[in-house]
């Protein structure tokens, strides 16, 4: 899990099974949060790009 998340192997490591479980849950939460943020940003940028590319119709 640590290798996949690229959080590194530092001097501070969780000890005990419950601490490891909490650490894994925090890493998974970070993945979910970053994925959601990247998706929201991508959707926003696509919407703005489409708005600027669409021909303006005079009213």
C-alpha atoms as a PDB file:
ATOM      1  CA  UNK A   1       0.000   0.000   0.000  1.00  0.00           C
ATOM      2  CA  UNK A   2       2.793   2.434   0.893  1.00  0.00           C
ATOM      3  CA  UNK A   3       4.615   1.752  -2.374  1.00  0.00           C
ATOM      4  CA  UNK A   4       1.444   2.183  -4.415  1.00  0.00           C
ATOM      5  CA  UNK A   5       0.614   5.466  -2.676  1.00  0.00           C
ATOM      6  CA  UNK A   6       4.202   6.720  -2.989  1.00  0.00           C
ATOM      7  CA  UNK A   7       4.031   8.123   0.523  1.00  0.00           C
ATOM      8  CA  UNK A   8       7.494   6.789   1.212  1.00  0.00           C
ATOM      9  CA  UNK A   9       9.200   4.758   3.836  1.00  0.00           C
ATOM     10  CA  UNK A  10      10.146   7.303   6.470  1.00  0.00           C
ATOM     11  CA  UNK A  11      11.274   7.203  10.041  1.00  0.00           C
ATOM     12  CA  UNK A  12       7.703   7.526  11.245  1.00  0.00           C
ATOM     13  CA  UNK A  13       5.854   4.247  10.773  1.00  0.00           C
ATOM     14  CA  UNK A  14       2.616   2.960  12.238  1.00  0.00           C
ATOM     15  CA  UNK A  15       3.058   0.270  14.866  1.00  0.00           C
ATOM     16  CA  UNK A  16       0.385  -2.263  15.559  1.00  0.00           C
ATOM     17  CA  UNK A  17      -2.410  -3.529  13.367  1.00  0.00           C
ATOM     18  CA  UNK A  18      -4.915  -0.801  14.261  1.00  0.00           C
ATOM     19  CA  UNK A  19      -2.421   1.967  13.441  1.00  0.00           C
ATOM     20  CA  UNK A  20      -1.624   0.308  10.109  1.00  0.00           C
ATOM     21  CA  UNK A  21      -5.324   0.037   9.324  1.00  0.00           C
ATOM     22  CA  UNK A  22      -5.837   3.733  10.067  1.00  0.00           C
ATOM     23  CA  UNK A  23      -2.883   4.602   7.851  1.00  0.00           C
ATOM     24  CA  UNK A  24      -4.240   2.507   4.993  1.00  0.00           C
ATOM     25  CA  UNK A  25      -7.662   4.158   5.358  1.00  0.00           C
ATOM     26  CA  UNK A  26      -6.048   7.597   5.276  1.00  0.00           C
ATOM     27  CA  UNK A  27      -4.141   6.706   2.101  1.00  0.00           C
ATOM     28  CA  UNK A  28      -7.307   5.372   0.448  1.00  0.00           C
ATOM     29  CA  UNK A  29      -9.205   8.506   1.485  1.00  0.00           C
ATOM     30  CA  UNK A  30      -6.462  10.618  -0.076  1.00  0.00           C
ATOM     31  CA  UNK A  31      -6.748   8.660  -3.333  1.00  0.00           C
ATOM     32  CA  UNK A  32     -10.500   9.175  -3.398  1.00  0.00           C
ATOM     33  CA  UNK A  33     -10.220  12.884  -2.548  1.00  0.00           C
ATOM     34  CA  UNK A  34      -7.530  13.538  -5.153  1.00  0.00           C
ATOM     35  CA  UNK A  35      -9.452  11.612  -7.805  1.00  0.00           C
ATOM     36  CA  UNK A  36     -12.618  13.577  -7.065  1.00  0.00           C
ATOM     37  CA  UNK A  37     -10.724  16.874  -7.140  1.00  0.00           C
ATOM     38  CA  UNK A  38      -9.022  16.008 -10.438  1.00  0.00           C
ATOM     39  CA  UNK A  39     -12.367  14.960 -11.940  1.00  0.00           C
ATOM     40  CA  UNK A  40     -14.063  18.171 -10.834  1.00  0.00           C
ATOM     41  CA  UNK A  41     -11.220  20.295 -12.206  1.00  0.00           C
ATOM     42  CA  UNK A  42     -11.231  18.414 -15.512  1.00  0.00           C
ATOM     43  CA  UNK A  43     -14.992  18.792 -15.874  1.00  0.00           C
ATOM     44  CA  UNK A  44     -14.757  22.511 -15.110  1.00  0.00           C
ATOM     45  CA  UNK A  45     -11.985  23.030 -17.650  1.00  0.00           C
ATOM     46  CA  UNK A  46     -13.882  21.075 -20.316  1.00  0.00           C
ATOM     47  CA  UNK A  47     -16.997  23.157 -19.720  1.00  0.00           C
ATOM     48  CA  UNK A  48     -15.037  26.397 -19.975  1.00  0.00           C
ATOM     49  CA  UNK A  49     -13.265  25.225 -23.122  1.00  0.00           C
ATOM     50  CA  UNK A  50     -16.562  24.278 -24.778  1.00  0.00           C
ATOM     51  CA  UNK A  51     -18.052  27.634 -23.803  1.00  0.00           C
ATOM     52  CA  UNK A  52     -15.146  29.514 -25.416  1.00  0.00           C
ATOM     53  CA  UNK A  53     -15.131  27.344 -28.548  1.00  0.00           C
ATOM     54  CA  UNK A  54     -18.863  27.517 -29.231  1.00  0.00           C
ATOM     55  CA  UNK A  55     -19.883  30.106 -31.839  1.00  0.00           C
ATOM     56  CA  UNK A  56     -21.576  33.130 -30.383  1.00  0.00           C
ATOM     57  CA  UNK A  57     -25.005  33.718 -31.814  1.00  0.00           C
ATOM     58  CA  UNK A  58     -26.204  37.298 -31.961  1.00  0.00           C
ATOM     59  CA  UNK A  59     -29.507  37.798 -30.212  1.00  0.00           C
END
